Amino acid sequence: MKRLNYVLIVLFIVLQYQLWLGGSSVSRWWQTKQHISQQRLENQRLKHRNRILEAEVVELQNGLETIEEHARFELGMIKRGEVFYQITSP
């Protein structure tokens, strides 16, 4: 009977070690859960950015207004007959 108790105690200790400190421990499970949560947030952010970029691509393919807007603000271009005024602060 004493031997069975020792075996059960050793088995209990080994199982507790695996549960708390082993390769698939509770702390590792918690870290993985947090990592998954952070990755989901990042994925949502990237999906939103991709939707914006998709809309911009469709707009560039279908309309000249967007191309004109990019030319004006990013490249500093103006149309023929327009007058460009640049105001600087003193």
Protein backbone atom coordinates (compact mmCIF):
# COMPACT_ATOMS: atom_id res chain seq x y z
CA MET A 1 0.00 0.00 0.00
CA LYS A 2 2.87 2.38 0.78
CA ARG A 3 4.36 1.73 -2.62
CA LEU A 4 1.07 2.57 -4.34
CA ASN A 5 0.90 5.83 -2.41
CA TYR A 6 4.45 6.75 -3.48
CA VAL A 7 3.69 5.90 -7.09
CA LEU A 8 0.51 7.98 -7.00
CA ILE A 9 2.35 10.92 -5.42
CA VAL A 10 5.11 10.77 -8.04
CA LEU A 11 2.51 10.51 -10.81
CA PHE A 12 0.64 13.48 -9.35
CA ILE A 13 3.86 15.55 -9.22
CA VAL A 14 4.74 14.66 -12.82
CA LEU A 15 1.26 15.60 -14.02
CA GLN A 16 1.34 18.89 -12.12
CA TYR A 17 4.74 19.69 -13.63
CA GLN A 18 3.35 19.05 -17.12
CA LEU A 19 0.29 21.16 -16.39
CA TRP A 20 2.13 24.22 -15.07
CA LEU A 21 5.65 24.09 -16.53
CA GLY A 22 5.67 21.63 -19.42
CA GLY A 23 5.58 22.16 -23.18
CA SER A 24 1.80 22.45 -23.31
CA SER A 25 1.36 24.21 -19.99
CA VAL A 26 -1.34 26.61 -18.87
CA SER A 27 0.98 29.60 -19.18
CA ARG A 28 1.86 28.65 -22.75
CA TRP A 29 -1.85 28.24 -23.53
CA TRP A 30 -2.52 31.71 -22.10
CA GLN A 31 0.30 33.26 -24.16
CA THR A 32 -1.01 31.58 -27.30
CA LYS A 33 -4.51 32.85 -26.59
CA GLN A 34 -3.22 36.41 -26.20
CA HIS A 35 -1.17 36.12 -29.38
CA ILE A 36 -4.24 34.93 -31.30
CA SER A 37 -6.25 37.85 -29.96
CA GLN A 38 -3.58 40.36 -31.02
CA GLN A 39 -3.32 38.73 -34.44
CA ARG A 40 -7.08 38.96 -34.94
CA LEU A 41 -6.97 42.69 -34.20
CA GLU A 42 -4.11 43.13 -36.65
CA ASN A 43 -6.02 41.15 -39.29
CA GLN A 44 -9.07 43.38 -38.85
CA ARG A 45 -6.93 46.48 -39.23
CA LEU A 46 -5.34 45.10 -42.40
CA LYS A 47 -8.71 44.04 -43.85
CA HIS A 48 -9.98 47.59 -43.33
CA ARG A 49 -6.89 49.01 -45.04
CA ASN A 50 -7.29 46.56 -47.92
CA ARG A 51 -10.93 47.60 -48.42
CA ILE A 52 -9.84 51.23 -48.63
CA LEU A 53 -7.12 50.37 -51.14
CA GLU A 54 -9.55 48.26 -53.21
CA ALA A 55 -12.00 51.16 -53.36
CA GLU A 56 -9.20 53.47 -54.45
CA VAL A 57 -8.11 51.06 -57.20
CA VAL A 58 -11.68 50.79 -58.51
CA GLU A 59 -12.01 54.55 -58.41
CA LEU A 60 -8.74 54.98 -60.30
CA GLN A 61 -9.85 52.48 -62.93
CA ASN A 62 -13.26 54.08 -63.45
CA GLY A 63 -12.90 57.81 -62.95
CA LEU A 64 -10.63 60.62 -63.98
CA GLU A 65 -11.50 62.73 -60.94
CA THR A 66 -9.34 60.61 -58.67
CA ILE A 67 -6.41 60.69 -61.07
CA GLU A 68 -6.77 64.45 -61.34
CA GLU A 69 -6.91 64.78 -57.54
CA HIS A 70 -3.72 62.73 -57.15
CA ALA A 71 -1.99 64.80 -59.81
CA ARG A 72 -2.97 68.04 -58.10
CA PHE A 73 -2.15 67.21 -54.50
CA GLU A 74 0.71 64.75 -54.78
CA LEU A 75 2.46 66.03 -57.89
CA GLY A 76 1.53 69.72 -57.72
CA MET A 77 0.07 69.81 -61.25
CA ILE A 78 -2.50 72.33 -62.49
CA LYS A 79 -4.89 72.41 -65.47
CA ARG A 80 -4.42 74.61 -68.50
CA GLY A 81 -5.89 78.01 -67.94
CA GLU A 82 -5.76 77.75 -64.15
CA VAL A 83 -3.77 80.18 -62.07
CA PHE A 84 -1.71 78.81 -59.19
CA TYR A 85 -1.36 80.93 -56.07
CA GLN A 86 1.05 79.97 -53.34
CA ILE A 87 0.63 81.73 -50.05
CA THR A 88 3.51 81.72 -47.63
CA SER A 89 3.51 82.95 -44.09
CA PRO A 90 5.86 85.83 -43.24
